[in-house]
Amino acid sequence: MRRPGPPAALLLAVAGIVLATPAAAQTTCAIPDSRYEVAPAYLDDTEGDRSLAVAMSFTSCRAAYDTRPRLPRARYLGLHAGGTIPFTSLAVPPHLEARASYGMSFCLCERAPDDPMAPLDEAPDAYAFHHGYLGLGARAQYEASNDLDEQGIVGAVELRWVDPTRWMLPSTVVSLEAVKPTKSEVRDALGLERAAHGRVSVRGYWLVPLGGPLSAEIEGAYFWSLGLDEGLTAEGFDEGPFLAGELMLGLDRAVGRLLIESVFIGYAHGRRPTAGEETRAWSVGIALGSI
């Protein structure tokens, strides 16, 4: 088995590939209260290595809305922690992270309904115009590779946009980030200090309804690190793409206090900022939540 390399509303929703829904994208919070999710999964890295794994996440969000008829807005505060943990040393693209976000969002619309949480398709005539949601926020984040060899603290400002009425347009996040490594096996091996550096990240996200309980989720991202030492650039930490897709069958079946939310098959390929090499993995699993 190969060694893992030092290793992915108003659109101000917490951006998780399993957590977002079309209705959720219409508000500041993808999860309007609190929610946790556990997804036992089987991973295959397409190079002969396989592993059982568990993907876990916790999300909490609070928002305050107004109902002004033109350009209504909201403030939000969100928390999120999650990641995929293989039961072996298998290297997979998703990394581990915990983040807190705060910001403002604006509906680019006029004559919004009295209930700002009302789905747009329930009141299509209530808008003179509607061009989606625009937001600006700040984020503090801890990130780590799956093997915990690379860890860091991130501070960021984000510009976000989503239009939930046009699923073919990606929900988009552009962020300018300051990164301070707190642990780095690759820097230690190269004899480098854990110096702070900059980073620019761009992310696009699609949720595609396929009819009935079937849906697809697609995420594409790219990052550029700024001010890295040449040794880290040579190791592949300077920039990288990430692409992930998931096909989900929604179930929402209760078993006691356990909720079987969906079964899924997914594929991820690329490099996260905590990785010096591109990795890939297929995953098959079941998403579990609580009632």
Protein backbone atom coordinates (compact mmCIF):
# COMPACT_ATOMS: atom_id res chain seq x y z
CA MET A 1 0.00 0.00 0.00
CA ARG A 2 1.42 3.36 -0.95
CA ARG A 3 2.11 5.94 1.70
CA PRO A 4 -0.45 8.76 1.73
CA GLY A 5 0.85 12.06 0.49
CA PRO A 6 0.83 15.00 2.88
CA PRO A 7 -2.55 15.33 1.64
CA ALA A 8 -12.72 19.84 -0.48
CA ALA A 9 -26.77 30.78 0.75
CA LEU A 10 -28.53 33.31 0.12
CA LEU A 11 -25.31 31.19 -0.98
CA LEU A 12 -23.95 31.64 2.50
CA ALA A 13 -24.80 28.11 3.34
CA VAL A 14 -22.23 25.85 4.90
CA ALA A 15 -20.80 24.25 1.78
CA GLY A 16 -20.84 20.49 2.18
CA ILE A 17 -21.32 18.06 -0.67
CA VAL A 18 -23.78 15.95 1.31
CA LEU A 19 -25.57 18.67 3.23
CA ALA A 20 -26.92 21.21 0.76
CA THR A 21 -30.39 21.08 -0.78
CA PRO A 22 -32.03 23.33 -3.41
CA ALA A 23 -34.29 24.92 -0.81
CA ALA A 24 -31.41 25.35 1.60
CA ALA A 25 -29.45 27.28 -0.97
CA GLN A 26 -32.13 29.97 -0.90
CA THR A 27 -31.24 31.05 2.64
CA THR A 28 -28.19 32.00 4.60
CA CYS A 29 -28.14 28.61 6.29
CA ALA A 30 -28.10 25.28 4.50
CA ILE A 31 -29.02 23.81 7.87
CA PRO A 32 -31.32 26.31 9.65
CA ASP A 33 -30.66 24.81 13.07
CA SER A 34 -28.15 22.05 13.94
CA ARG A 35 -27.50 18.71 12.32
CA TYR A 36 -25.00 15.91 12.38
CA GLU A 37 -24.44 13.20 9.82
CA VAL A 38 -22.45 9.96 9.77
CA ALA A 39 -21.81 8.05 6.56
CA PRO A 40 -20.13 4.63 6.73
CA ALA A 41 -18.44 4.09 3.38
CA TYR A 42 -16.22 1.80 1.34
CA LEU A 43 -13.34 3.48 -0.53
CA ASP A 44 -11.34 2.36 -3.57
CA ASP A 45 -8.43 4.57 -4.71
CA THR A 46 -8.41 3.01 -8.25
CA GLU A 47 -4.81 1.87 -7.70
CA GLY A 48 -5.54 -1.38 -5.92
CA ASP A 49 -5.98 -0.07 -2.36
CA ARG A 50 -9.33 -0.25 -0.58
CA SER A 51 -10.58 0.64 2.86
CA LEU A 52 -13.65 1.01 5.00
CA ALA A 53 -14.12 4.61 6.14
CA VAL A 54 -16.49 6.93 7.90
CA ALA A 55 -17.46 10.44 6.77
CA MET A 56 -18.72 12.62 9.62
CA SER A 57 -20.04 16.14 9.80
CA PHE A 58 -21.69 18.52 12.23
CA THR A 59 -23.32 21.75 11.10
CA SER A 60 -25.02 24.52 13.04
CA CYS A 61 -26.26 27.83 11.70
CA ARG A 62 -28.24 30.81 12.97
CA ALA A 63 -29.57 33.65 10.82
CA ALA A 64 -31.47 36.92 11.30
CA TYR A 65 -33.59 38.12 8.36
CA ASP A 66 -35.40 41.25 7.35
CA THR A 67 -38.38 41.49 4.97
CA ARG A 68 -37.76 44.78 3.17
CA PRO A 69 -39.37 44.65 -0.31
CA ARG A 70 -36.17 45.41 -2.22
CA LEU A 71 -32.81 43.68 -1.65
CA PRO A 72 -33.77 41.93 1.61
CA ARG A 73 -30.75 40.82 3.60
CA ALA A 74 -29.69 38.61 6.45
CA ARG A 75 -26.86 38.07 8.92
CA TYR A 76 -25.67 34.57 9.67
CA LEU A 77 -23.33 32.69 12.03
CA GLY A 78 -22.37 29.15 11.10
CA LEU A 79 -20.25 26.31 12.49
CA HIS A 80 -19.13 23.20 10.64
CA ALA A 81 -16.78 20.28 11.30
CA GLY A 82 -16.28 17.21 9.18
CA GLY A 83 -14.13 14.95 7.09
CA THR A 84 -13.55 11.44 5.77
CA ILE A 85 -11.45 9.06 7.88
CA PRO A 86 -10.26 5.79 6.27
CA PHE A 87 -9.61 2.88 8.63
CA THR A 88 -6.23 2.30 6.93
CA SER A 89 -3.46 4.60 5.62
CA LEU A 90 -5.31 5.01 2.32
CA ALA A 91 -4.84 8.51 0.88
CA VAL A 92 -8.09 10.15 -0.26
CA PRO A 93 -8.75 13.66 -1.62
CA PRO A 94 -11.11 15.05 1.09
CA HIS A 95 -9.34 16.53 4.10
CA LEU A 96 -10.46 17.23 7.68
CA GLU A 97 -11.71 20.66 8.67
CA ALA A 98 -13.56 22.68 11.29
CA ARG A 99 -14.72 26.23 10.58
CA ALA A 100 -16.74 29.13 11.89
CA SER A 101 -18.30 31.69 9.51
CA TYR A 102 -20.01 35.04 9.93
CA GLY A 103 -21.36 37.36 7.28
CA MET A 104 -24.10 39.22 5.44
CA SER A 105 -26.16 38.12 2.48
CA PHE A 106 -28.41 39.97 0.07
CA CYS A 107 -31.26 38.76 -2.09
CA LEU A 108 -30.83 40.38 -5.52
CA CYS A 109 -34.59 40.65 -5.83
CA GLU A 110 -37.61 42.91 -5.39
CA ARG A 111 -40.99 42.28 -3.74
CA ALA A 112 -39.87 39.27 -1.70
CA PRO A 113 -42.65 37.39 0.10
CA ASP A 114 -43.41 38.16 3.73
CA ASP A 115 -41.79 34.87 4.70
CA PRO A 116 -38.12 35.10 3.63
CA MET A 117 -37.79 31.33 4.09
CA ALA A 118 -40.56 30.56 1.57
CA PRO A 119 -39.32 28.54 -1.44
CA LEU A 120 -39.27 30.62 -4.59
CA ASP A 121 -41.32 28.11 -6.56
CA GLU A 122 -44.21 28.51 -4.10
CA ALA A 123 -44.56 32.22 -4.90
CA PRO A 124 -43.17 32.73 -8.43
CA ASP A 125 -45.24 35.86 -9.01
CA ALA A 126 -44.08 37.57 -5.83
CA TYR A 127 -40.90 38.88 -7.48
CA ALA A 128 -40.53 41.71 -9.96
CA PHE A 129 -37.02 40.36 -10.52
CA HIS A 130 -34.79 37.77 -8.90
CA HIS A 131 -31.09 37.28 -9.70
CA GLY A 132 -30.03 35.04 -6.85
CA TYR A 133 -28.21 35.77 -3.60
CA LEU A 134 -24.92 37.54 -3.00
CA GLY A 135 -22.97 37.38 0.24
CA LEU A 136 -19.79 38.54 1.91
CA GLY A 137 -18.41 36.78 4.96
CA ALA A 138 -15.40 35.96 7.13
CA ARG A 139 -14.21 32.48 8.05
CA ALA A 140 -11.83 30.98 10.62
CA GLN A 141 -10.82 27.40 9.88
CA TYR A 142 -8.68 24.51 11.06
CA GLU A 143 -7.64 22.09 8.31
CA ALA A 144 -5.65 18.85 8.31
CA SER A 145 -4.68 15.98 6.05
CA ASN A 146 -6.33 12.65 6.80
CA ASP A 147 -3.12 11.32 8.39
CA LEU A 148 -2.72 14.58 10.40
CA ASP A 149 0.81 15.10 9.01
CA GLU A 150 -0.21 18.52 7.68
CA GLN A 151 -2.27 20.89 9.83
CA GLY A 152 -2.98 24.61 9.77
CA ILE A 153 -5.14 27.55 10.80
CA VAL A 154 -6.85 29.64 8.12
CA GLY A 155 -8.43 33.11 8.20
CA ALA A 156 -10.42 34.11 5.13
CA VAL A 157 -12.84 36.55 3.55
CA GLU A 158 -15.38 35.10 1.11
CA LEU A 159 -17.59 36.32 -1.72
CA ARG A 160 -20.49 33.99 -2.48
CA TRP A 161 -23.29 33.81 -5.03
CA VAL A 162 -26.10 31.34 -5.74
CA ASP A 163 -29.28 31.29 -7.82
CA PRO A 164 -31.47 28.43 -6.58
CA THR A 165 -33.95 28.86 -9.45
CA ARG A 166 -31.30 27.95 -12.05
CA TRP A 167 -29.60 24.71 -11.01
CA MET A 168 -27.42 24.72 -14.13
CA LEU A 169 -25.51 27.73 -12.75
CA PRO A 170 -22.98 26.81 -10.07
CA SER A 171 -23.15 28.14 -6.55
CA THR A 172 -19.82 29.96 -6.38
CA VAL A 173 -17.40 30.83 -3.59
CA VAL A 174 -14.24 32.92 -4.05
CA SER A 175 -12.05 33.31 -0.97
CA LEU A 176 -8.83 35.13 -0.08
CA GLU A 177 -7.06 33.28 2.72
CA ALA A 178 -4.16 33.62 5.17
CA VAL A 179 -2.72 30.25 6.23
CA LYS A 180 -0.49 29.47 9.25
CA PRO A 181 0.79 25.86 9.34
CA THR A 182 0.80 24.41 12.87
CA LYS A 183 2.22 21.01 11.94
CA SER A 184 3.99 20.02 8.72
CA GLU A 185 5.95 16.82 8.19
CA VAL A 186 7.02 17.95 4.73
CA ARG A 187 8.38 21.28 6.03
CA ASP A 188 10.23 19.49 8.81
CA ALA A 189 11.76 17.07 6.29
CA LEU A 190 12.88 19.98 4.09
CA GLY A 191 14.23 21.99 7.04
CA LEU A 192 11.75 24.83 6.47
CA GLU A 193 9.98 27.06 8.98
CA ARG A 194 6.21 26.89 9.27
CA ALA A 195 5.83 30.36 7.82
CA ALA A 196 2.44 31.91 7.09
CA HIS A 197 1.42 32.30 3.45
CA GLY A 198 -1.51 33.43 1.33
CA ARG A 199 -3.99 31.44 -0.70
CA VAL A 200 -6.78 32.08 -3.21
CA SER A 201 -9.55 29.50 -3.59
CA VAL A 202 -12.42 29.21 -6.07
CA ARG A 203 -15.23 26.69 -5.72
CA GLY A 204 -18.29 25.82 -7.78
CA TYR A 205 -21.12 23.57 -6.64
CA TRP A 206 -24.08 22.07 -8.47
CA LEU A 207 -27.03 20.11 -7.12
CA VAL A 208 -28.85 18.51 -10.06
CA PRO A 209 -32.37 17.08 -9.57
CA LEU A 210 -32.77 13.87 -11.58
CA GLY A 211 -36.38 13.15 -10.77
CA GLY A 212 -38.04 11.68 -7.70
CA PRO A 213 -35.61 10.84 -4.88
CA LEU A 214 -32.60 10.73 -7.21
CA SER A 215 -30.15 13.64 -7.38
CA ALA A 216 -26.55 14.35 -8.30
CA GLU A 217 -24.08 16.69 -6.63
CA ILE A 218 -20.97 18.01 -8.34
CA GLU A 219 -18.17 20.11 -6.88
CA GLY A 220 -15.22 21.68 -8.67
CA ALA A 221 -12.51 23.71 -6.95
CA TYR A 222 -9.03 25.13 -7.46
CA PHE A 223 -6.54 26.77 -5.10
CA TRP A 224 -3.40 28.84 -5.58
CA SER A 225 -0.92 29.21 -2.70
CA LEU A 226 1.03 32.46 -2.52
CA GLY A 227 4.48 33.06 -1.06
CA LEU A 228 5.51 29.40 -0.66
CA ASP A 229 9.14 28.29 -0.49
CA GLU A 230 10.46 26.77 -3.73
CA GLY A 231 10.90 23.45 -1.96
CA LEU A 232 7.16 23.28 -1.19
CA THR A 233 6.34 24.28 -4.75
CA ALA A 234 8.48 21.40 -6.00
CA GLU A 235 6.52 19.07 -3.67
CA GLY A 236 3.24 20.16 -5.29
CA PHE A 237 1.78 22.39 -2.56
CA ASP A 238 1.58 25.50 -4.75
CA GLU A 239 -1.75 24.88 -6.51
CA GLY A 240 -4.18 22.17 -7.44
CA PRO A 241 -7.63 21.18 -8.72
CA PHE A 242 -10.35 19.18 -7.03
CA LEU A 243 -13.39 17.51 -8.59
CA ALA A 244 -16.03 15.42 -6.83
CA GLY A 245 -19.37 13.97 -7.83
CA GLU A 246 -22.02 12.03 -5.99
CA LEU A 247 -25.17 10.22 -7.08
CA MET A 248 -27.69 9.97 -4.23
CA LEU A 249 -30.94 8.12 -3.70
CA GLY A 250 -32.92 9.84 -0.96
CA LEU A 251 -34.68 7.49 1.49
CA ASP A 252 -35.50 9.46 4.69
CA ARG A 253 -36.58 6.34 6.56
CA ALA A 254 -36.67 6.32 10.35
CA VAL A 255 -35.38 3.39 12.36
CA GLY A 256 -36.02 4.33 15.97
CA ARG A 257 -34.25 7.68 16.49
CA LEU A 258 -31.93 6.96 13.55
CA LEU A 259 -32.74 8.44 10.14
CA ILE A 260 -31.49 6.67 7.02
CA GLU A 261 -31.19 9.72 4.77
CA SER A 262 -29.73 8.32 1.54
CA VAL A 263 -27.46 5.83 -0.15
CA PHE A 264 -24.78 7.18 -2.45
CA ILE A 265 -21.96 6.41 -4.83
CA GLY A 266 -19.29 9.05 -5.33
CA TYR A 267 -15.96 9.83 -6.97
CA ALA A 268 -13.35 12.41 -5.95
CA HIS A 269 -10.12 13.30 -7.72
CA GLY A 270 -7.64 16.05 -7.10
CA ARG A 271 -5.53 17.83 -4.54
CA ARG A 272 -6.47 19.69 -1.39
CA PRO A 273 -4.20 22.40 0.09
CA THR A 274 -3.02 19.88 2.70
CA ALA A 275 -1.78 17.53 -0.04
CA GLY A 276 1.34 17.52 -2.19
CA GLU A 277 -0.01 15.03 -4.69
CA GLU A 278 -3.27 14.32 -6.46
CA THR A 279 -5.29 11.39 -5.16
CA ARG A 280 -8.56 9.81 -6.21
CA ALA A 281 -11.16 7.53 -4.68
CA TRP A 282 -14.52 5.89 -5.36
CA SER A 283 -16.91 5.69 -2.44
CA VAL A 284 -20.13 3.80 -1.75
CA GLY A 285 -22.04 4.36 1.45
CA ILE A 286 -25.14 5.26 3.40
CA ALA A 287 -25.83 8.62 5.05
CA LEU A 288 -27.29 8.46 8.57
CA GLY A 289 -28.73 11.27 10.68
CA SER A 290 -30.95 11.71 13.71
CA ILE A 291 -34.63 12.49 14.08
